[in-house]
């Protein structure tokens, strides 16, 4: 059955209608978000948060939201990654097409559309409560106005979810736009890991994804979030990650970028309690003319907190990366311990990397450092591998793989690390075959 276009107007021309089943407060937020989208100027040259960005990529006219999916059963069959999981949800064009969960008592893990109806007050308490401050306020307003579904996870105090919650987000149809949303809340001393997979149904259809993640780590809890961005190279992506980390809690946020023609990642981690820790990690492998635009903000609100950012990019062909990161220490956030590192490995002479690390410190007795490095691949290493019978293409990929492993190993779970490496190897195979 062919996909049905439910919204004949393009994405930017008219306000979407909130489903009648959703609570009144959410409908009011969506109306306000649409108005905010209309009133917020589009990014322009001279905006510091969009420095070095390709503005031509933000022409989203022509995209429309579509609900129905023509290949649901095939997409479910293709949604395979980890062997054993605690729960698995599959969405296509923001519609739930499969779910399976075996979770401890008390854990609430539902499509967001269901959670808005059955646990509306809990969703309201945490839903998009932080202001976007890395440049995409207009696009997060568009996300909020169009939001129809996603995943809601609540893990009560002292409950540990063994295994991983997997969420697949498929994009199907020419010029289709989707708005995935993931909201995760951990109670005191709870533990959970969530993996979002973003993929295209085929390699030919242009698409748009504007995704937002709300991650809320309660006191003493551990929240791991992993995003695998593997859309086709005709898709554009804006992904905003907002993380709040309470006293003595730990949060890991990891992003793997292998797909999309253009991806804008904005990651903000707010250290809200003493003894909190945030690890912000990313591996990106752009090729041909792919561009990955990465903006980060490590916000130290409380004293005695720790944050560590490590981003690594291996750039092929004529690809581009932009990294702009800031460690911001509030007044009174003494004994802050914060690090920020971006490393670029050039696999060709035509690739381009722009890095802008930064610090703003308003407290005493802090330990903060930031830095960025860019280097060409070592010809000595290539020679070493070629001398042992490894062809030049494979030799370069082995070096890029090894360059990325330092980040992936920090995920701390062997099965998850193997899964991430499989996506990495798929990308290398695609490059070796002449694709992006």
Protein backbone atom coordinates (compact mmCIF):
# COMPACT_ATOMS: atom_id res chain seq x y z
CA UNK A 1 0.00 0.00 0.00
CA UNK A 2 1.52 3.38 -0.97
CA UNK A 3 2.19 5.99 1.68
CA UNK A 4 -0.60 8.56 2.10
CA UNK A 5 0.16 12.26 2.36
CA UNK A 6 -1.88 13.42 5.36
CA UNK A 7 -0.60 17.00 5.45
CA UNK A 8 -0.79 18.52 1.95
CA UNK A 9 0.67 21.83 3.16
CA UNK A 10 4.41 21.94 3.47
CA UNK A 11 5.93 21.90 6.90
CA UNK A 12 6.42 25.65 7.26
CA UNK A 13 3.08 26.95 5.98
CA UNK A 14 0.45 26.10 8.60
CA UNK A 15 0.13 25.10 12.24
CA UNK A 16 -0.29 21.36 12.79
CA UNK A 17 -3.34 20.20 14.75
CA UNK A 18 -2.85 18.61 18.15
CA UNK A 19 -4.56 15.19 18.44
CA UNK A 20 -7.75 15.45 20.50
CA UNK A 21 -6.62 12.74 22.94
CA UNK A 22 -3.64 14.76 24.14
CA UNK A 23 -4.06 16.84 27.35
CA UNK A 24 -5.01 20.52 27.17
CA UNK A 25 -1.68 21.71 28.56
CA UNK A 26 0.16 19.97 25.73
CA UNK A 27 -2.15 21.46 23.09
CA UNK A 28 -1.49 24.91 24.55
CA UNK A 29 2.26 24.30 24.46
CA UNK A 30 2.04 23.25 20.82
CA UNK A 31 0.10 26.40 19.90
CA UNK A 32 2.67 28.53 21.73
CA UNK A 33 5.52 26.64 20.06
CA UNK A 34 4.10 27.28 16.59
CA UNK A 35 3.80 31.01 17.38
CA UNK A 36 7.36 31.02 18.73
CA UNK A 37 8.54 29.31 15.55
CA UNK A 38 6.91 32.02 13.43
CA UNK A 39 8.34 34.86 15.53
CA UNK A 40 11.89 33.52 15.93
CA UNK A 41 14.22 34.73 13.19
CA UNK A 42 16.05 32.11 11.16
CA UNK A 43 19.79 31.86 11.83
CA UNK A 44 21.79 34.36 9.82
CA UNK A 45 25.39 35.14 9.05
CA UNK A 46 27.07 36.78 12.03
CA UNK A 47 25.31 34.59 14.62
CA UNK A 48 28.09 33.19 16.79
CA UNK A 49 26.18 29.93 17.38
CA UNK A 50 26.06 29.36 13.59
CA UNK A 51 29.61 30.41 12.76
CA UNK A 52 31.00 28.41 9.81
CA UNK A 53 27.57 26.77 9.24
CA UNK A 54 26.15 26.16 5.77
CA UNK A 55 22.96 28.23 5.77
CA UNK A 56 21.78 26.75 2.48
CA UNK A 57 21.15 23.48 4.36
CA UNK A 58 18.33 25.08 6.35
CA UNK A 59 15.93 25.35 3.41
CA UNK A 60 13.21 23.08 4.80
CA UNK A 61 10.44 24.21 2.45
CA UNK A 62 8.95 21.26 0.61
CA UNK A 63 9.14 18.81 3.50
CA UNK A 64 5.90 17.46 4.97
CA UNK A 65 4.96 15.19 7.85
CA UNK A 66 3.58 11.83 6.75
CA UNK A 67 2.05 9.29 9.08
CA UNK A 68 1.34 6.13 7.14
CA UNK A 69 4.12 3.74 6.20
CA UNK A 70 4.13 1.35 3.24
CA UNK A 71 6.82 -1.04 4.47
CA UNK A 72 6.17 -1.46 8.20
CA UNK A 73 6.80 -5.21 8.35
CA UNK A 74 10.09 -4.88 6.44
CA UNK A 75 11.28 -2.07 8.71
CA UNK A 76 10.49 -4.11 11.82
CA UNK A 77 12.47 -7.00 10.35
CA UNK A 78 15.41 -4.66 9.70
CA UNK A 79 15.35 -3.31 13.27
CA UNK A 80 17.97 -5.68 14.61
CA UNK A 81 20.97 -4.67 16.66
CA UNK A 82 21.66 -5.94 20.19
CA UNK A 83 20.80 -9.62 20.75
CA UNK A 84 19.14 -9.27 24.14
CA UNK A 85 17.34 -6.11 25.14
CA UNK A 86 15.05 -5.01 27.95
CA UNK A 87 12.66 -3.33 25.57
CA UNK A 88 12.39 -2.58 21.89
CA UNK A 89 10.27 0.05 20.15
CA UNK A 90 10.12 0.66 16.41
CA UNK A 91 8.75 3.89 14.96
CA UNK A 92 8.36 4.75 11.27
CA UNK A 93 7.48 8.32 10.32
CA UNK A 94 6.83 8.85 14.05
CA UNK A 95 4.20 6.07 14.11
CA UNK A 96 4.68 3.11 16.47
CA UNK A 97 4.83 -0.09 14.38
CA UNK A 98 6.27 -2.52 16.95
CA UNK A 99 6.90 -2.77 20.69
CA UNK A 100 8.17 -5.43 23.04
CA UNK A 101 9.21 -4.88 26.65
CA UNK A 102 10.19 -6.91 29.71
CA UNK A 103 10.96 -4.36 32.38
CA UNK A 104 11.10 -4.34 36.19
CA UNK A 105 7.97 -3.48 38.14
CA UNK A 106 7.42 0.24 38.43
CA UNK A 107 9.26 1.18 35.25
CA UNK A 108 7.12 3.19 32.84
CA UNK A 109 8.26 2.79 29.26
CA UNK A 110 5.66 3.90 26.72
CA UNK A 111 5.30 5.68 23.42
CA UNK A 112 5.11 9.36 24.30
CA UNK A 113 1.63 9.60 22.74
CA UNK A 114 0.38 7.06 25.30
CA UNK A 115 2.32 8.58 28.18
CA UNK A 116 0.76 12.00 27.50
CA UNK A 117 -2.66 10.43 28.10
CA UNK A 118 -1.89 8.04 30.97
CA UNK A 119 0.92 9.93 32.79
CA UNK A 120 0.35 13.50 31.62
CA UNK A 121 1.38 15.19 34.89
CA UNK A 122 4.70 13.31 34.99
CA UNK A 123 5.45 14.17 31.37
CA UNK A 124 4.55 17.81 32.01
CA UNK A 125 7.01 18.04 34.92
CA UNK A 126 10.02 17.20 32.72
CA UNK A 127 9.02 17.89 29.10
CA UNK A 128 11.37 20.37 27.36
CA UNK A 129 11.88 22.41 30.54
CA UNK A 130 15.31 23.79 29.54
CA UNK A 131 15.70 26.71 27.16
CA UNK A 132 17.58 25.93 23.97
CA UNK A 133 20.71 28.07 23.99
CA UNK A 134 22.97 26.70 21.26
CA UNK A 135 21.23 28.29 18.27
CA UNK A 136 18.30 26.07 17.32
CA UNK A 137 15.48 27.74 19.26
CA UNK A 138 13.49 28.19 16.03
CA UNK A 139 13.86 24.54 15.05
CA UNK A 140 13.12 23.13 18.51
CA UNK A 141 9.92 25.24 18.46
CA UNK A 142 9.05 23.60 15.12
CA UNK A 143 9.80 20.22 16.71
CA UNK A 144 7.52 20.92 19.68
CA UNK A 145 4.69 22.18 17.46
CA UNK A 146 4.81 19.06 15.26
CA UNK A 147 5.59 16.45 17.92
CA UNK A 148 3.28 13.42 17.74
CA UNK A 149 5.26 10.59 19.31
CA UNK A 150 8.53 9.31 20.71
CA UNK A 151 9.54 7.37 23.80
CA UNK A 152 8.89 8.09 27.47
CA UNK A 153 10.96 6.26 30.09
CA UNK A 154 10.59 6.63 33.85
CA UNK A 155 12.70 4.46 36.16
CA UNK A 156 11.67 4.81 39.83
CA UNK A 157 14.10 5.14 42.71
CA UNK A 158 16.41 2.20 43.44
CA UNK A 159 15.39 0.29 40.29
CA UNK A 160 17.96 -0.91 37.78
CA UNK A 161 16.99 -1.82 34.22
CA UNK A 162 19.22 -4.71 33.19
CA UNK A 163 20.02 -4.62 29.51
CA UNK A 164 19.22 -1.87 27.04
CA UNK A 165 16.07 -0.11 25.84
CA UNK A 166 16.29 0.14 22.05
CA UNK A 167 14.33 2.64 19.97
CA UNK A 168 14.36 2.60 16.16
CA UNK A 169 13.27 5.71 14.24
CA UNK A 170 12.74 5.05 10.51
CA UNK A 171 12.18 7.75 7.93
CA UNK A 172 10.24 6.68 4.80
CA UNK A 173 9.05 8.62 1.74
CA UNK A 174 10.36 11.44 -0.43
CA UNK A 175 10.54 14.83 1.39
CA UNK A 176 9.20 13.37 4.63
CA UNK A 177 9.86 15.13 7.93
CA UNK A 178 9.88 13.42 11.33
CA UNK A 179 10.15 14.78 14.87
CA UNK A 180 11.44 12.02 17.20
CA UNK A 181 11.45 12.79 20.91
CA UNK A 182 12.98 10.82 23.78
CA UNK A 183 12.22 11.73 27.40
CA UNK A 184 14.08 9.75 30.07
CA UNK A 185 13.79 10.23 33.85
CA UNK A 186 15.69 8.28 36.47
CA UNK A 187 14.75 8.36 40.15
CA UNK A 188 17.27 8.32 42.99
CA UNK A 189 19.89 5.55 42.60
CA UNK A 190 18.18 4.13 39.50
CA UNK A 191 19.97 2.93 36.34
CA UNK A 192 19.03 2.71 32.67
CA UNK A 193 20.57 2.70 29.18
CA UNK A 194 18.64 3.89 26.09
CA UNK A 195 19.81 3.59 22.47
CA UNK A 196 18.14 5.59 19.67
CA UNK A 197 18.75 4.43 16.08
CA UNK A 198 17.97 6.91 13.28
CA UNK A 199 17.81 5.34 9.80
CA UNK A 200 16.23 5.76 6.34
CA UNK A 201 14.01 3.17 4.70
CA UNK A 202 16.00 3.51 1.46
CA UNK A 203 19.00 5.37 0.03
CA UNK A 204 17.11 7.54 -2.46
CA UNK A 205 14.47 9.60 -0.58
CA UNK A 206 15.36 13.02 0.79
CA UNK A 207 14.18 13.52 4.36
CA UNK A 208 14.32 15.80 7.38
CA UNK A 209 14.57 14.84 11.05
CA UNK A 210 14.35 17.34 13.92
CA UNK A 211 14.93 15.33 17.09
CA UNK A 212 15.02 16.40 20.73
CA UNK A 213 16.09 14.40 23.78
CA UNK A 214 15.24 15.29 27.38
CA UNK A 215 17.50 13.35 29.73
CA UNK A 216 17.01 13.76 33.49
CA UNK A 217 19.36 11.86 35.81
CA UNK A 218 18.05 11.86 39.40
CA UNK A 219 20.25 11.88 42.53
CA UNK A 220 22.78 9.04 42.60
CA UNK A 221 21.42 7.52 39.40
CA UNK A 222 23.17 6.40 36.19
CA UNK A 223 21.71 7.30 32.80
CA UNK A 224 23.43 6.23 29.57
CA UNK A 225 22.12 7.55 26.25
CA UNK A 226 23.45 6.51 22.84
CA UNK A 227 22.35 7.94 19.48
CA UNK A 228 23.24 6.16 16.23
CA UNK A 229 22.66 8.57 13.33
CA UNK A 230 22.81 6.49 10.14
CA UNK A 231 20.31 8.19 7.80
CA UNK A 232 20.89 8.09 4.05
CA UNK A 233 23.05 10.84 2.56
CA UNK A 234 20.04 12.78 1.23
CA UNK A 235 18.66 13.48 4.71
CA UNK A 236 19.14 16.57 6.85
CA UNK A 237 19.18 16.30 10.64
CA UNK A 238 18.93 18.62 13.60
CA UNK A 239 19.43 16.80 16.89
CA UNK A 240 19.23 18.57 20.25
CA UNK A 241 20.29 16.75 23.42
CA UNK A 242 19.46 18.33 26.78
CA UNK A 243 20.79 16.58 29.89
CA UNK A 244 20.36 17.46 33.55
CA UNK A 245 22.50 15.64 36.13
CA UNK A 246 21.55 15.75 39.82
CA UNK A 247 23.69 15.25 42.94
CA UNK A 248 26.04 12.24 42.71
CA UNK A 249 24.43 11.13 39.43
CA UNK A 250 26.28 10.05 36.28
CA UNK A 251 25.17 10.62 32.68
CA UNK A 252 26.80 9.46 29.45
CA UNK A 253 25.71 10.94 26.14
CA UNK A 254 27.21 9.40 22.99
CA UNK A 255 26.52 10.28 19.34
CA UNK A 256 27.72 8.31 16.32
CA UNK A 257 27.40 10.18 13.03
CA UNK A 258 27.81 8.16 9.85
CA UNK A 259 24.81 9.26 7.75
CA UNK A 260 22.93 12.36 6.52
CA UNK A 261 24.13 14.96 4.06
CA UNK A 262 24.03 17.55 6.85
CA UNK A 263 23.70 17.00 10.59
CA UNK A 264 23.56 19.63 13.28
CA UNK A 265 24.13 18.24 16.82
CA UNK A 266 23.55 20.46 19.83
CA UNK A 267 24.39 18.89 23.20
CA UNK A 268 23.96 20.63 26.52
CA UNK A 269 24.79 18.99 29.83
CA UNK A 270 23.86 20.78 33.02
CA UNK A 271 25.67 19.66 36.20
CA UNK A 272 22.96 20.48 38.72
CA UNK A 273 24.18 18.71 41.85
CA UNK A 274 27.38 18.33 43.83
CA UNK A 275 29.27 15.18 42.91
CA UNK A 276 27.54 14.86 39.53
CA UNK A 277 29.37 13.64 36.43
CA UNK A 278 28.72 14.03 32.71
CA UNK A 279 30.59 12.31 29.86
CA UNK A 280 29.83 13.80 26.43
CA UNK A 281 31.16 11.59 23.65
CA UNK A 282 30.98 11.52 19.88
CA UNK A 283 32.49 9.76 16.87
CA UNK A 284 31.82 11.08 13.35
CA UNK A 285 32.91 9.72 9.98
CA UNK A 286 31.89 12.20 7.26
CA UNK A 287 32.76 11.49 3.61
CA UNK A 288 32.19 13.01 0.16
CA UNK A 289 30.32 16.30 0.85
CA UNK A 290 28.75 15.39 4.19
CA UNK A 291 28.85 18.09 6.86
CA UNK A 292 28.54 17.61 10.63
CA UNK A 293 28.00 20.74 12.73
CA UNK A 294 28.59 20.08 16.46
CA UNK A 295 27.81 22.55 19.24
CA UNK A 296 28.23 21.72 22.93
CA UNK A 297 27.73 23.36 26.32
CA UNK A 298 29.04 21.99 29.62
CA UNK A 299 27.17 24.00 32.23
CA UNK A 300 28.53 23.68 35.78
CA UNK A 301 25.86 24.97 38.14
CA UNK A 302 26.88 23.20 41.37
CA UNK A 303 30.27 22.88 43.06
CA UNK A 304 32.30 19.69 43.03
CA UNK A 305 30.99 18.37 39.69
CA UNK A 306 32.91 16.70 36.85
CA UNK A 307 32.42 16.82 33.08
CA UNK A 308 34.50 15.38 30.28
CA UNK A 309 33.87 15.87 26.56
CA UNK A 310 35.69 13.87 23.88
CA UNK A 311 34.70 14.26 20.20
CA UNK A 312 36.62 12.55 17.38
CA UNK A 313 36.08 13.13 13.66
CA UNK A 314 37.68 11.21 10.77
CA UNK A 315 37.12 13.26 7.61
CA UNK A 316 37.16 11.76 4.10
CA UNK A 317 36.98 13.39 0.66
CA UNK A 318 35.51 16.94 0.70
CA UNK A 319 33.60 16.58 3.95
CA UNK A 320 33.38 19.27 6.66
CA UNK A 321 33.03 19.38 10.42
CA UNK A 322 32.40 22.30 12.74
CA UNK A 323 32.93 21.98 16.48
CA UNK A 324 32.10 24.77 18.92
CA UNK A 325 32.16 23.91 22.62
CA UNK A 326 31.99 25.91 25.82
CA UNK A 327 32.68 24.99 29.42
CA UNK A 328 30.68 27.47 31.52
CA UNK A 329 31.22 27.60 35.28
CA UNK A 330 28.64 29.53 37.31
CA UNK A 331 29.50 31.70 40.30
CA UNK A 332 29.76 29.43 43.33
CA UNK A 333 30.48 26.28 41.31
CA UNK A 334 33.80 25.87 43.07
CA UNK A 335 35.90 22.71 42.73
CA UNK A 336 34.63 22.20 39.19
CA UNK A 337 36.64 19.62 37.23
CA UNK A 338 35.98 19.90 33.49
CA UNK A 339 37.66 18.84 30.24
CA UNK A 340 36.88 19.34 26.58
CA UNK A 341 38.74 17.77 23.66
CA UNK A 342 37.96 17.67 19.94
CA UNK A 343 40.30 15.75 17.63
CA UNK A 344 40.14 15.70 13.83
CA UNK A 345 41.87 13.17 11.60
CA UNK A 346 42.08 14.16 7.93
CA UNK A 347 41.80 11.30 5.47
CA UNK A 348 42.14 13.62 2.46
CA UNK A 349 43.66 17.00 1.58
CA UNK A 350 40.24 18.43 0.62
CA UNK A 351 38.45 17.87 3.94
CA UNK A 352 37.83 20.82 6.27
CA UNK A 353 37.50 20.99 10.08
CA UNK A 354 36.69 24.11 12.09
CA UNK A 355 37.12 23.85 15.86
CA UNK A 356 36.28 26.49 18.46
CA UNK A 357 36.76 25.24 22.04
CA UNK A 358 36.05 27.72 24.85
CA UNK A 359 35.99 28.40 28.59
CA UNK A 360 34.09 30.86 30.77
CA UNK A 361 34.85 30.52 34.48
CA UNK A 362 33.11 32.49 37.22
CA UNK A 363 34.27 30.54 40.29
CA UNK A 364 37.47 29.86 42.20
CA UNK A 365 39.42 26.67 42.78
CA UNK A 366 38.49 25.04 39.48
CA UNK A 367 40.37 22.66 37.17
CA UNK A 368 39.31 23.16 33.55
CA UNK A 369 41.04 22.52 30.25
CA UNK A 370 40.04 22.54 26.62
CA UNK A 371 41.74 21.88 23.34
CA UNK A 372 41.47 20.80 19.74
CA UNK A 373 43.88 19.03 17.42
CA UNK A 374 43.81 18.35 13.68
CA UNK A 375 46.26 16.12 11.88
CA UNK A 376 46.81 14.21 8.68
CA UNK A 377 46.95 10.46 8.70
CA UNK A 378 50.49 9.25 9.31
CA UNK A 379 52.29 7.99 6.21
CA UNK A 380 54.61 5.98 8.48
CA UNK A 381 51.59 4.06 9.80
CA UNK A 382 50.35 3.50 6.24
CA UNK A 383 53.77 2.23 5.22
CA UNK A 384 53.89 -0.11 8.25
CA UNK A 385 50.55 -1.68 7.36
CA UNK A 386 51.29 -1.89 3.63
CA UNK A 387 54.56 -3.67 4.41
CA UNK A 388 52.40 -6.35 6.08
CA UNK A 389 50.19 -6.86 3.06
CA UNK A 390 47.33 -4.48 3.94
CA UNK A 391 46.08 -2.51 0.93
CA UNK A 392 46.13 1.33 1.25
CA UNK A 393 42.34 1.78 1.57
CA UNK A 394 42.07 -0.84 4.29
CA UNK A 395 45.15 0.54 6.02
CA UNK A 396 43.58 4.00 6.28
CA UNK A 397 40.35 2.53 7.62
CA UNK A 398 42.16 0.52 10.27
CA UNK A 399 43.88 3.69 11.47
CA UNK A 400 40.59 5.64 11.53
CA UNK A 401 38.92 2.77 13.38
CA UNK A 402 41.65 2.71 15.99
CA UNK A 403 41.41 6.49 16.30
CA UNK A 404 37.69 6.15 17.18
CA UNK A 405 37.93 3.20 19.56
CA UNK A 406 39.21 5.32 22.47
CA UNK A 407 35.82 7.07 22.56
CA UNK A 408 33.70 3.95 22.03
CA UNK A 409 35.44 2.03 24.82
CA UNK A 410 34.22 4.61 27.30
CA UNK A 411 30.67 3.29 26.87
CA UNK A 412 31.65 0.57 29.32
CA UNK A 413 29.60 -2.31 27.89
CA UNK A 414 31.17 -4.85 25.54
CA UNK A 415 27.98 -5.69 23.62
CA UNK A 416 27.09 -2.04 23.09
CA UNK A 417 30.63 -1.25 21.97
CA UNK A 418 30.47 -4.11 19.44
CA UNK A 419 27.17 -2.74 18.13
CA UNK A 420 28.64 0.74 17.63
CA UNK A 421 31.68 -0.73 15.87
CA UNK A 422 29.39 -2.61 13.46
CA UNK A 423 27.84 0.68 12.35
CA UNK A 424 31.35 2.11 12.05
CA UNK A 425 32.50 -0.82 9.90
CA UNK A 426 29.38 -0.50 7.72
CA UNK A 427 30.39 3.09 7.03
CA UNK A 428 33.95 2.10 6.16
CA UNK A 429 32.64 -0.60 3.82
CA UNK A 430 30.38 1.98 2.16
CA UNK A 431 33.33 4.34 1.68
CA UNK A 432 35.46 1.53 0.24
CA UNK A 433 32.61 0.73 -2.17
CA UNK A 434 32.57 4.30 -3.49
CA UNK A 435 29.62 5.68 -1.46
CA UNK A 436 29.55 8.25 1.30
